[in-house]
Amino acid sequence: NGRVITVFGCGGDRDRNKRPLMGEAAGKGSDFVVLTSDNPRSEDPLAIINDAVVGLQRSGTKHKIEPDRGAAIHLALSEARRGDIVLIAGKGHERMQTLRTETIPFDDRHVAAEALRELGYGSSAESWA
C-alpha cells in the first residue's frame, strides 16, 4: 500500500475563504502534502499559503511548505517510494504561471519530467511529458 503525495496550491486574487477548505481537503485525501504556489497573480504567495495551511493543519496530515512550484514538484517526487502516487494538483493543462505582473512559461508536466530525469528515472519520464 503506497502513499498519496500531493503537490497543491491555491490561486491568487480568488476567494480567500475557500483556501483553508481546499487545504483541508488536500490533507484529507493525502498522506503527505507539499503546499506551494499556483498562480499567485497580484498576491503574495506566502500569504496565500498561510491561508491554505490553516486547513491543512486541521487535517493533521504531514506537510512541507515550498513556495517555488518547481522545487515543490521536485521535493514531492524525491519523497516518493515504490508504490506511492504523486498527485500534482491545480494547474493541469496550463502552460504559464502568473506572478504579480509577469506571466512566465511553466508546465507541471515538463517540470515533473525533468525532476524524474534528475532523480534517475530517465526516458520513462519522457513519454508523458
C-alpha atoms as a PDB file:
ATOM      1  CA  ASN A   1       0.000   0.000   0.000  1.00  0.00           C
ATOM      2  CA  GLY A   2       1.599   3.187  -1.218  1.00  0.00           C
ATOM      3  CA  ARG A   3       1.106   6.710  -0.037  1.00  0.00           C
ATOM      4  CA  VAL A   4      -0.550   9.612  -1.815  1.00  0.00           C
ATOM      5  CA  ILE A   5       1.792  12.596  -2.026  1.00  0.00           C
ATOM      6  CA  THR A   6       0.101  15.770  -3.249  1.00  0.00           C
ATOM      7  CA  VAL A   7       1.565  18.991  -4.610  1.00  0.00           C
ATOM      8  CA  PHE A   8      -1.084  21.636  -4.060  1.00  0.00           C
ATOM      9  CA  GLY A   9      -1.557  25.401  -4.133  1.00  0.00           C
ATOM     10  CA  CYS A  10      -4.339  27.976  -4.323  1.00  0.00           C
ATOM     11  CA  GLY A  11      -4.652  30.691  -6.941  1.00  0.00           C
ATOM     12  CA  GLY A  12      -4.293  34.342  -6.034  1.00  0.00           C
ATOM     13  CA  ASP A  13      -6.967  37.000  -6.470  1.00  0.00           C
ATOM     14  CA  ARG A  14      -9.639  34.365  -5.848  1.00  0.00           C
ATOM     15  CA  ASP A  15     -11.949  33.565  -2.915  1.00  0.00           C
ATOM     16  CA  ARG A  16      -9.718  33.599   0.184  1.00  0.00           C
ATOM     17  CA  ASN A  17     -12.398  31.842   2.244  1.00  0.00           C
ATOM     18  CA  LYS A  18     -12.005  28.670   0.176  1.00  0.00           C
ATOM     19  CA  ARG A  19      -8.281  28.329   0.814  1.00  0.00           C
ATOM     20  CA  PRO A  20      -8.486  26.697   4.263  1.00  0.00           C
ATOM     21  CA  LEU A  21     -11.185  24.356   2.935  1.00  0.00           C
ATOM     22  CA  MET A  22      -9.006  23.437  -0.028  1.00  0.00           C
ATOM     23  CA  GLY A  23      -6.044  22.842   2.281  1.00  0.00           C
ATOM     24  CA  GLU A  24      -8.121  20.585   4.493  1.00  0.00           C
ATOM     25  CA  ALA A  25      -9.446  18.625   1.506  1.00  0.00           C
ATOM     26  CA  ALA A  26      -5.917  18.156   0.148  1.00  0.00           C
ATOM     27  CA  GLY A  27      -4.810  16.904   3.545  1.00  0.00           C
ATOM     28  CA  LYS A  28      -7.712  14.501   3.959  1.00  0.00           C
ATOM     29  CA  GLY A  29      -7.007  12.929   0.572  1.00  0.00           C
ATOM     30  CA  SER A  30      -3.258  12.618   1.049  1.00  0.00           C
ATOM     31  CA  ASP A  31      -0.637  11.068   3.265  1.00  0.00           C
ATOM     32  CA  PHE A  32       1.795  13.921   2.629  1.00  0.00           C
ATOM     33  CA  VAL A  33       1.253  17.354   1.055  1.00  0.00           C
ATOM     34  CA  VAL A  34       3.723  19.819  -0.404  1.00  0.00           C
ATOM     35  CA  LEU A  35       1.957  23.183  -0.217  1.00  0.00           C
ATOM     36  CA  THR A  36       3.139  25.577  -2.915  1.00  0.00           C
ATOM     37  CA  SER A  37       2.108  28.434  -5.167  1.00  0.00           C
ATOM     38  CA  ASP A  38      -0.270  28.084  -8.096  1.00  0.00           C
ATOM     39  CA  ASN A  39      -0.923  31.370  -9.889  1.00  0.00           C
ATOM     40  CA  PRO A  40      -0.453  33.930  -7.110  1.00  0.00           C
ATOM     41  CA  ARG A  41      -1.267  36.760  -9.504  1.00  0.00           C
ATOM     42  CA  SER A  42      -1.052  40.056  -7.584  1.00  0.00           C
ATOM     43  CA  GLU A  43      -0.998  38.426  -4.129  1.00  0.00           C
ATOM     44  CA  ASP A  44       1.991  37.458  -2.018  1.00  0.00           C
ATOM     45  CA  PRO A  45       2.467  33.684  -2.493  1.00  0.00           C
ATOM     46  CA  LEU A  46       3.273  33.221   1.206  1.00  0.00           C
ATOM     47  CA  ALA A  47       0.028  34.945   2.220  1.00  0.00           C
ATOM     48  CA  ILE A  48      -1.918  32.502   0.046  1.00  0.00           C
ATOM     49  CA  ILE A  49      -0.001  29.568   1.510  1.00  0.00           C
ATOM     50  CA  ASN A  50      -0.675  30.840   5.040  1.00  0.00           C
ATOM     51  CA  ASP A  51      -4.418  30.867   4.293  1.00  0.00           C
ATOM     52  CA  ALA A  52      -4.381  27.293   2.960  1.00  0.00           C
ATOM     53  CA  VAL A  53      -2.098  25.847   5.634  1.00  0.00           C
ATOM     54  CA  VAL A  54      -4.754  26.504   8.303  1.00  0.00           C
ATOM     55  CA  GLY A  55      -6.988  23.821   6.792  1.00  0.00           C
ATOM     56  CA  LEU A  56      -4.075  21.556   6.019  1.00  0.00           C
ATOM     57  CA  GLN A  57      -3.010  21.654   9.672  1.00  0.00           C
ATOM     58  CA  ARG A  58      -6.607  20.922  10.689  1.00  0.00           C
ATOM     59  CA  SER A  59      -6.436  17.705   8.645  1.00  0.00           C
ATOM     60  CA  GLY A  60      -3.416  16.544  10.653  1.00  0.00           C
ATOM     61  CA  THR A  61      -1.588  15.451   7.514  1.00  0.00           C
ATOM     62  CA  LYS A  62       2.193  15.710   7.329  1.00  0.00           C
ATOM     63  CA  HIS A  63       3.226  18.535   5.053  1.00  0.00           C
ATOM     64  CA  LYS A  64       6.011  20.804   3.897  1.00  0.00           C
ATOM     65  CA  ILE A  65       5.788  24.312   2.514  1.00  0.00           C
ATOM     66  CA  GLU A  66       7.752  25.150  -0.625  1.00  0.00           C
ATOM     67  CA  PRO A  67       6.622  28.383  -2.334  1.00  0.00           C
ATOM     68  CA  ASP A  68       8.587  27.638  -5.525  1.00  0.00           C
ATOM     69  CA  ARG A  69       6.311  25.322  -7.520  1.00  0.00           C
ATOM     70  CA  GLY A  70       9.156  23.711  -9.459  1.00  0.00           C
ATOM     71  CA  ALA A  71      11.040  22.954  -6.256  1.00  0.00           C
ATOM     72  CA  ALA A  72       7.805  21.645  -4.693  1.00  0.00           C
ATOM     73  CA  ILE A  73       7.294  19.189  -7.548  1.00  0.00           C
ATOM     74  CA  HIS A  74      10.894  18.019  -7.244  1.00  0.00           C
ATOM     75  CA  LEU A  75      10.502  17.640  -3.468  1.00  0.00           C
ATOM     76  CA  ALA A  76       7.333  15.550  -3.814  1.00  0.00           C
ATOM     77  CA  LEU A  77       8.892  13.262  -6.406  1.00  0.00           C
ATOM     78  CA  SER A  78      12.046  12.848  -4.337  1.00  0.00           C
ATOM     79  CA  GLU A  79       9.930  11.844  -1.304  1.00  0.00           C
ATOM     80  CA  ALA A  80       8.135   9.108  -3.274  1.00  0.00           C
ATOM     81  CA  ARG A  81       8.931   5.435  -2.877  1.00  0.00           C
ATOM     82  CA  ARG A  82       7.864   2.401  -4.890  1.00  0.00           C
ATOM     83  CA  GLY A  83       4.067   2.119  -4.825  1.00  0.00           C
ATOM     84  CA  ASP A  84       3.436   5.777  -3.957  1.00  0.00           C
ATOM     85  CA  ILE A  85       1.284   8.080  -6.069  1.00  0.00           C
ATOM     86  CA  VAL A  86       2.404  11.672  -6.612  1.00  0.00           C
ATOM     87  CA  LEU A  87      -0.524  13.939  -7.479  1.00  0.00           C
ATOM     88  CA  ILE A  88       0.458  17.317  -8.901  1.00  0.00           C
ATOM     89  CA  ALA A  89      -2.794  19.223  -8.496  1.00  0.00           C
ATOM     90  CA  GLY A  90      -4.056  22.557  -9.676  1.00  0.00           C
ATOM     91  CA  LYS A  91      -2.584  23.742 -12.940  1.00  0.00           C
ATOM     92  CA  GLY A  92      -3.439  20.803 -15.188  1.00  0.00           C
ATOM     93  CA  HIS A  93      -3.376  21.930 -18.802  1.00  0.00           C
ATOM     94  CA  GLU A  94      -1.977  25.397 -18.038  1.00  0.00           C
ATOM     95  CA  ARG A  95       1.377  26.223 -19.601  1.00  0.00           C
ATOM     96  CA  MET A  96       2.016  29.513 -17.782  1.00  0.00           C
ATOM     97  CA  GLN A  97       2.250  30.829 -14.234  1.00  0.00           C
ATOM     98  CA  THR A  98       1.219  34.354 -13.267  1.00  0.00           C
ATOM     99  CA  LEU A  99       3.465  36.006 -10.667  1.00  0.00           C
ATOM    100  CA  ARG A 100       2.471  39.581  -9.859  1.00  0.00           C
ATOM    101  CA  THR A 101       2.517  41.377 -13.219  1.00  0.00           C
ATOM    102  CA  GLU A 102       4.585  38.759 -15.033  1.00  0.00           C
ATOM    103  CA  THR A 103       3.385  35.622 -16.791  1.00  0.00           C
ATOM    104  CA  ILE A 104       6.127  33.044 -17.252  1.00  0.00           C
ATOM    105  CA  PRO A 105       6.242  29.714 -19.097  1.00  0.00           C
ATOM    106  CA  PHE A 106       5.567  26.903 -16.633  1.00  0.00           C
ATOM    107  CA  ASP A 107       4.258  23.417 -17.354  1.00  0.00           C
ATOM    108  CA  ASP A 108       3.904  20.963 -14.455  1.00  0.00           C
ATOM    109  CA  ARG A 109       4.431  18.022 -16.826  1.00  0.00           C
ATOM    110  CA  HIS A 110       7.775  19.281 -18.102  1.00  0.00           C
ATOM    111  CA  VAL A 111       8.951  20.220 -14.613  1.00  0.00           C
ATOM    112  CA  ALA A 112       7.988  16.751 -13.329  1.00  0.00           C
ATOM    113  CA  ALA A 113       9.694  15.008 -16.254  1.00  0.00           C
ATOM    114  CA  GLU A 114      12.901  16.971 -15.647  1.00  0.00           C
ATOM    115  CA  ALA A 115      12.762  16.184 -11.917  1.00  0.00           C
ATOM    116  CA  LEU A 116      12.285  12.481 -12.674  1.00  0.00           C
ATOM    117  CA  ARG A 117      15.285  12.529 -15.020  1.00  0.00           C
ATOM    118  CA  GLU A 118      17.364  14.237 -12.313  1.00  0.00           C
ATOM    119  CA  LEU A 119      16.252  11.531  -9.877  1.00  0.00           C
ATOM    120  CA  GLY A 120      17.456   8.840 -12.275  1.00  0.00           C
ATOM    121  CA  TYR A 121      14.224   7.711 -13.922  1.00  0.00           C
ATOM    122  CA  GLY A 122      15.451   8.510 -17.451  1.00  0.00           C
ATOM    123  CA  SER A 123      13.419   8.058 -20.596  1.00  0.00           C
ATOM    124  CA  SER A 124      10.319   6.555 -18.939  1.00  0.00           C
ATOM    125  CA  ALA A 125       9.528  10.058 -17.679  1.00  0.00           C
ATOM    126  CA  GLU A 126       9.652  11.484 -21.197  1.00  0.00           C
ATOM    127  CA  SER A 127       6.728   9.518 -22.644  1.00  0.00           C
ATOM    128  CA  TRP A 128       4.019  11.503 -20.860  1.00  0.00           C
ATOM    129  CA  ALA A 129       5.593  14.970 -20.730  1.00  0.00           C
END
